[in-house]
Amino acid sequence: MTKEYDNTNTAVVWSNPGALDNEQAPVLRVKLNVDGVDKEVGLYLNENHPDYRDLNDLIIELLEVIQESESSSPLFRGKVKEPYRKAEEKTSKRGTARRGKTGSGSTDEATTSADW
């Protein structure tokens, strides 16, 4: 029996070679699945960025290379997670934080792990 792929809470990023011919087209397309709901996001280069021209040249070069490669693989893959929260936010949300010992033997720092 083959295992069915579960794409819940995943993301893939595709380049959009159409952006070479159309300045209104997104440079990257993101396909997300958040809690079982499919979403799509178009990403555009921020024209107000101080390095816009240099970045735009790099993106054009990248899109041309990808277009020539004729690859059907996504550029990036990812996982959708809850946003990172500082230890204080976790404490107030849960009521208490785990305490861990520091090198000196005291317990003055909350022990937390980053979500990412």
N, C-alpha and C. Protein backbone atom coordinates (compact mmCIF):
# COMPACT_ATOMS: atom_id res chain seq x y z
N MET A 1 0.84 -1.17 0.00
CA MET A 1 0.00 0.00 0.00
C MET A 1 0.89 1.24 0.00
N THR A 2 0.64 2.18 -0.90
CA THR A 2 1.45 3.38 -0.97
C THR A 2 0.93 4.42 0.01
N LYS A 3 1.87 5.12 0.59
CA LYS A 3 1.52 6.16 1.55
C LYS A 3 1.18 7.44 0.80
N GLU A 4 0.04 8.04 1.13
CA GLU A 4 -0.39 9.27 0.47
C GLU A 4 0.35 10.46 1.09
N TYR A 5 0.78 11.39 0.22
CA TYR A 5 1.52 12.56 0.68
C TYR A 5 0.59 13.54 1.39
N ASP A 6 0.98 13.98 2.55
CA ASP A 6 0.21 14.96 3.31
C ASP A 6 0.91 16.31 3.21
N ASN A 7 0.30 17.27 2.52
CA ASN A 7 0.93 18.58 2.35
C ASN A 7 0.42 19.61 3.36
N THR A 8 -0.21 19.16 4.44
CA THR A 8 -0.71 20.08 5.46
C THR A 8 0.45 20.85 6.07
N ASN A 9 0.29 22.17 6.16
CA ASN A 9 1.27 23.08 6.77
C ASN A 9 2.63 23.02 6.07
N THR A 10 2.60 23.01 4.74
CA THR A 10 3.82 23.04 3.95
C THR A 10 3.80 24.24 3.01
N ALA A 11 4.95 24.55 2.45
CA ALA A 11 5.07 25.65 1.49
C ALA A 11 6.08 25.29 0.43
N VAL A 12 5.83 25.72 -0.80
CA VAL A 12 6.82 25.61 -1.87
C VAL A 12 6.88 26.95 -2.59
N VAL A 13 8.08 27.30 -3.04
CA VAL A 13 8.31 28.57 -3.72
C VAL A 13 8.78 28.27 -5.13
N TRP A 14 8.09 28.86 -6.11
CA TRP A 14 8.42 28.69 -7.51
C TRP A 14 8.84 30.02 -8.08
N SER A 15 9.78 29.99 -8.99
CA SER A 15 10.12 31.21 -9.72
C SER A 15 9.02 31.46 -10.74
N ASN A 16 8.89 32.69 -11.18
CA ASN A 16 7.89 33.04 -12.18
C ASN A 16 8.59 33.67 -13.38
N PRO A 17 9.01 32.85 -14.35
CA PRO A 17 9.69 33.40 -15.52
C PRO A 17 8.84 34.42 -16.27
N GLY A 18 7.53 34.40 -16.09
CA GLY A 18 6.65 35.38 -16.71
C GLY A 18 6.96 36.79 -16.25
N ALA A 19 7.66 36.92 -15.12
CA ALA A 19 8.03 38.24 -14.61
C ALA A 19 9.06 38.91 -15.50
N LEU A 20 9.75 38.14 -16.35
CA LEU A 20 10.72 38.73 -17.27
C LEU A 20 10.03 39.58 -18.32
N ASP A 21 8.82 39.18 -18.73
CA ASP A 21 8.08 39.88 -19.78
C ASP A 21 7.02 40.83 -19.23
N ASN A 22 6.71 40.70 -17.95
CA ASN A 22 5.61 41.48 -17.38
C ASN A 22 6.03 42.02 -16.02
N GLU A 23 6.25 43.32 -15.93
CA GLU A 23 6.70 43.92 -14.67
C GLU A 23 5.65 43.84 -13.57
N GLN A 24 4.39 43.60 -13.94
CA GLN A 24 3.31 43.50 -12.95
C GLN A 24 3.21 42.10 -12.35
N ALA A 25 3.90 41.13 -12.95
CA ALA A 25 3.84 39.74 -12.48
C ALA A 25 4.74 39.55 -11.26
N PRO A 26 4.32 38.70 -10.34
CA PRO A 26 5.19 38.43 -9.18
C PRO A 26 6.46 37.71 -9.61
N VAL A 27 7.55 37.98 -8.90
CA VAL A 27 8.84 37.34 -9.18
C VAL A 27 8.82 35.89 -8.69
N LEU A 28 8.22 35.69 -7.54
CA LEU A 28 8.11 34.36 -6.95
C LEU A 28 6.66 34.06 -6.63
N ARG A 29 6.29 32.79 -6.75
CA ARG A 29 4.96 32.35 -6.36
C ARG A 29 5.11 31.35 -5.23
N VAL A 30 4.36 31.56 -4.18
CA VAL A 30 4.41 30.67 -3.02
C VAL A 30 3.08 29.95 -2.92
N LYS A 31 3.15 28.64 -2.82
CA LYS A 31 1.95 27.84 -2.59
C LYS A 31 2.04 27.31 -1.18
N LEU A 32 1.04 27.67 -0.37
CA LEU A 32 1.01 27.30 1.04
C LEU A 32 -0.18 26.41 1.33
N ASN A 33 -0.03 25.57 2.32
CA ASN A 33 -1.16 24.87 2.88
C ASN A 33 -1.08 25.13 4.37
N VAL A 34 -2.06 25.86 4.88
CA VAL A 34 -2.09 26.22 6.29
C VAL A 34 -3.31 25.56 6.91
N ASP A 35 -3.06 24.64 7.82
CA ASP A 35 -4.12 23.89 8.50
C ASP A 35 -5.12 23.28 7.52
N GLY A 36 -4.60 22.76 6.39
CA GLY A 36 -5.43 22.08 5.42
C GLY A 36 -6.05 22.98 4.36
N VAL A 37 -5.80 24.29 4.42
CA VAL A 37 -6.36 25.24 3.45
C VAL A 37 -5.25 25.71 2.51
N ASP A 38 -5.47 25.51 1.20
CA ASP A 38 -4.47 25.93 0.21
C ASP A 38 -4.56 27.43 -0.04
N LYS A 39 -3.41 28.07 -0.11
CA LYS A 39 -3.29 29.51 -0.39
C LYS A 39 -2.16 29.72 -1.38
N GLU A 40 -2.22 30.83 -2.11
CA GLU A 40 -1.12 31.22 -2.99
C GLU A 40 -0.75 32.66 -2.68
N VAL A 41 0.56 32.94 -2.72
CA VAL A 41 1.07 34.28 -2.45
C VAL A 41 2.04 34.65 -3.58
N GLY A 42 1.88 35.85 -4.12
CA GLY A 42 2.83 36.37 -5.10
C GLY A 42 3.80 37.31 -4.40
N LEU A 43 5.09 37.17 -4.66
CA LEU A 43 6.09 38.03 -4.05
C LEU A 43 6.72 38.93 -5.10
N TYR A 44 6.83 40.19 -4.78
CA TYR A 44 7.37 41.21 -5.68
C TYR A 44 8.58 41.85 -5.02
N LEU A 45 9.51 42.32 -5.82
CA LEU A 45 10.66 43.05 -5.30
C LEU A 45 10.20 44.43 -4.86
N ASN A 46 10.61 44.85 -3.69
CA ASN A 46 10.23 46.15 -3.14
C ASN A 46 10.98 47.27 -3.87
N GLU A 47 10.25 48.06 -4.64
CA GLU A 47 10.87 49.13 -5.43
C GLU A 47 11.49 50.22 -4.55
N ASN A 48 11.11 50.28 -3.28
CA ASN A 48 11.64 51.30 -2.37
C ASN A 48 12.92 50.84 -1.66
N HIS A 49 13.33 49.62 -1.90
CA HIS A 49 14.55 49.11 -1.26
C HIS A 49 15.75 49.90 -1.81
N PRO A 50 16.69 50.30 -0.96
CA PRO A 50 17.83 51.10 -1.42
C PRO A 50 18.67 50.41 -2.50
N ASP A 51 18.68 49.09 -2.53
CA ASP A 51 19.47 48.35 -3.52
C ASP A 51 18.59 47.76 -4.62
N TYR A 52 17.45 48.39 -4.87
CA TYR A 52 16.47 47.85 -5.82
C TYR A 52 17.09 47.50 -7.17
N ARG A 53 17.86 48.42 -7.75
CA ARG A 53 18.40 48.19 -9.11
C ARG A 53 19.33 46.98 -9.14
N ASP A 54 20.22 46.88 -8.16
CA ASP A 54 21.13 45.74 -8.12
C ASP A 54 20.37 44.43 -7.90
N LEU A 55 19.41 44.47 -6.99
CA LEU A 55 18.61 43.27 -6.72
C LEU A 55 17.78 42.88 -7.93
N ASN A 56 17.22 43.88 -8.61
CA ASN A 56 16.42 43.60 -9.79
C ASN A 56 17.28 42.92 -10.87
N ASP A 57 18.51 43.40 -11.06
CA ASP A 57 19.41 42.78 -12.03
C ASP A 57 19.70 41.32 -11.66
N LEU A 58 19.92 41.07 -10.37
CA LEU A 58 20.18 39.71 -9.91
C LEU A 58 18.98 38.80 -10.13
N ILE A 59 17.80 39.33 -9.86
CA ILE A 59 16.58 38.53 -10.02
C ILE A 59 16.36 38.20 -11.49
N ILE A 60 16.59 39.17 -12.37
CA ILE A 60 16.45 38.91 -13.81
C ILE A 60 17.42 37.81 -14.23
N GLU A 61 18.64 37.89 -13.76
CA GLU A 61 19.65 36.87 -14.08
C GLU A 61 19.21 35.50 -13.56
N LEU A 62 18.71 35.46 -12.33
CA LEU A 62 18.24 34.21 -11.73
C LEU A 62 17.09 33.62 -12.54
N LEU A 63 16.12 34.45 -12.90
CA LEU A 63 14.97 33.95 -13.67
C LEU A 63 15.40 33.42 -15.03
N GLU A 64 16.37 34.09 -15.65
CA GLU A 64 16.87 33.61 -16.95
C GLU A 64 17.55 32.25 -16.82
N VAL A 65 18.35 32.07 -15.78
CA VAL A 65 19.02 30.79 -15.54
C VAL A 65 17.99 29.69 -15.31
N ILE A 66 16.98 29.99 -14.49
CA ILE A 66 15.94 28.99 -14.20
C ILE A 66 15.16 28.65 -15.46
N GLN A 67 14.85 29.65 -16.26
CA GLN A 67 14.10 29.43 -17.49
C GLN A 67 14.90 28.55 -18.45
N GLU A 68 16.20 28.76 -18.53
CA GLU A 68 17.06 27.96 -19.40
C GLU A 68 17.18 26.52 -18.91
N SER A 69 17.12 26.32 -17.61
CA SER A 69 17.30 24.98 -17.05
C SER A 69 16.07 24.10 -17.29
N GLU A 70 14.92 24.71 -17.50
CA GLU A 70 13.66 24.00 -17.71
C GLU A 70 13.35 23.03 -16.57
N SER A 71 13.79 23.36 -15.38
CA SER A 71 13.53 22.53 -14.21
C SER A 71 12.09 22.73 -13.74
N SER A 72 11.49 21.65 -13.30
CA SER A 72 10.14 21.76 -12.76
C SER A 72 10.14 21.68 -11.23
N SER A 73 11.32 21.74 -10.63
CA SER A 73 11.43 21.67 -9.18
C SER A 73 11.26 23.05 -8.56
N PRO A 74 10.64 23.11 -7.38
CA PRO A 74 10.53 24.40 -6.70
C PRO A 74 11.89 24.90 -6.22
N LEU A 75 12.02 26.23 -6.09
CA LEU A 75 13.26 26.82 -5.59
C LEU A 75 13.47 26.50 -4.11
N PHE A 76 12.40 26.64 -3.33
CA PHE A 76 12.46 26.42 -1.89
C PHE A 76 11.27 25.58 -1.46
N ARG A 77 11.46 24.87 -0.36
CA ARG A 77 10.36 24.15 0.28
C ARG A 77 10.38 24.53 1.74
N GLY A 78 9.23 24.53 2.37
CA GLY A 78 9.19 24.95 3.77
C GLY A 78 8.07 24.29 4.54
N LYS A 79 8.02 24.61 5.81
CA LYS A 79 7.03 24.10 6.73
C LYS A 79 6.37 25.28 7.42
N VAL A 80 5.06 25.26 7.55
CA VAL A 80 4.33 26.32 8.23
C VAL A 80 4.30 26.00 9.72
N LYS A 81 4.74 26.97 10.53
CA LYS A 81 4.77 26.79 11.98
C LYS A 81 4.16 28.00 12.66
N GLU A 82 3.91 27.85 13.93
CA GLU A 82 3.46 28.99 14.72
C GLU A 82 4.59 30.00 14.80
N PRO A 83 4.28 31.31 14.88
CA PRO A 83 5.36 32.30 14.96
C PRO A 83 6.16 32.16 16.24
N TYR A 84 7.44 32.53 16.14
CA TYR A 84 8.32 32.51 17.31
C TYR A 84 7.83 33.53 18.33
N ARG A 85 7.81 33.13 19.58
CA ARG A 85 7.44 34.05 20.66
C ARG A 85 8.55 34.06 21.69
N LYS A 86 8.85 35.23 22.21
CA LYS A 86 9.86 35.35 23.24
C LYS A 86 9.41 34.61 24.50
N ALA A 87 10.35 34.30 25.37
CA ALA A 87 10.06 33.56 26.59
C ALA A 87 8.99 34.26 27.42
N GLU A 88 9.03 35.61 27.49
CA GLU A 88 8.04 36.33 28.30
C GLU A 88 6.64 36.13 27.74
N GLU A 89 6.52 36.13 26.40
CA GLU A 89 5.21 35.94 25.79
C GLU A 89 4.71 34.53 26.04
N LYS A 90 5.61 33.54 26.00
CA LYS A 90 5.22 32.17 26.26
C LYS A 90 4.77 32.02 27.70
N THR A 91 5.46 32.70 28.61
CA THR A 91 5.12 32.64 30.02
C THR A 91 3.72 33.18 30.25
N SER A 92 3.43 34.36 29.71
CA SER A 92 2.13 34.96 29.94
C SER A 92 1.02 34.18 29.26
N LYS A 93 1.32 33.54 28.16
CA LYS A 93 0.30 32.78 27.42
C LYS A 93 -0.01 31.47 28.13
N ARG A 94 1.03 30.79 28.64
CA ARG A 94 0.85 29.48 29.27
C ARG A 94 0.68 29.56 30.78
N GLY A 95 1.06 30.67 31.36
CA GLY A 95 0.95 30.80 32.81
C GLY A 95 2.29 30.64 33.51
N THR A 96 3.11 29.69 33.05
CA THR A 96 4.43 29.49 33.65
C THR A 96 5.42 29.11 32.58
N ALA A 97 6.67 29.35 32.84
CA ALA A 97 7.74 28.93 31.93
C ALA A 97 8.58 27.88 32.63
N ARG A 98 9.17 27.00 31.85
CA ARG A 98 10.09 26.03 32.44
C ARG A 98 11.33 26.77 32.89
N ARG A 99 11.88 26.38 33.98
CA ARG A 99 13.11 26.99 34.48
C ARG A 99 14.23 25.99 34.34
N GLY A 100 15.38 26.50 33.96
CA GLY A 100 16.55 25.63 33.83
C GLY A 100 17.71 26.22 34.60
N LYS A 101 18.66 25.39 34.91
CA LYS A 101 19.83 25.85 35.66
C LYS A 101 20.84 26.45 34.71
N THR A 102 21.42 27.55 35.11
CA THR A 102 22.51 28.14 34.35
C THR A 102 23.81 27.53 34.84
N GLY A 103 24.91 27.90 34.22
CA GLY A 103 26.21 27.35 34.60
C GLY A 103 26.55 27.58 36.06
N SER A 104 26.01 28.65 36.67
CA SER A 104 26.33 28.95 38.06
C SER A 104 25.45 28.19 39.04
N GLY A 105 24.49 27.43 38.51
CA GLY A 105 23.63 26.68 39.41
C GLY A 105 22.34 27.43 39.73
N SER A 106 22.21 28.70 39.32
CA SER A 106 20.98 29.43 39.60
C SER A 106 19.94 29.12 38.54
N THR A 107 18.71 29.54 38.79
CA THR A 107 17.62 29.30 37.84
C THR A 107 16.99 30.61 37.40
N ASP A 108 17.83 31.60 37.06
CA ASP A 108 17.30 32.91 36.72
C ASP A 108 16.93 33.08 35.26
N GLU A 109 17.18 32.10 34.41
CA GLU A 109 16.82 32.21 33.00
C GLU A 109 15.78 31.16 32.66
N ALA A 110 14.78 31.55 31.87
CA ALA A 110 13.79 30.57 31.40
C ALA A 110 14.43 29.75 30.29
N THR A 111 14.21 28.47 30.32
CA THR A 111 14.72 27.59 29.28
C THR A 111 13.62 27.41 28.24
N THR A 112 13.86 27.91 27.05
CA THR A 112 12.91 27.75 25.97
C THR A 112 13.63 27.34 24.72
N SER A 113 12.92 26.73 23.81
CA SER A 113 13.52 26.41 22.52
C SER A 113 12.79 27.20 21.45
N ALA A 114 13.54 27.68 20.47
CA ALA A 114 12.95 28.44 19.38
C ALA A 114 12.10 27.50 18.52
N ASP A 115 11.01 28.03 17.98
CA ASP A 115 10.17 27.23 17.12
C ASP A 115 10.79 26.98 15.77
N TRP A 116 11.82 27.75 15.40
CA TRP A 116 12.43 27.60 14.08
C TRP A 116 13.78 26.99 14.19
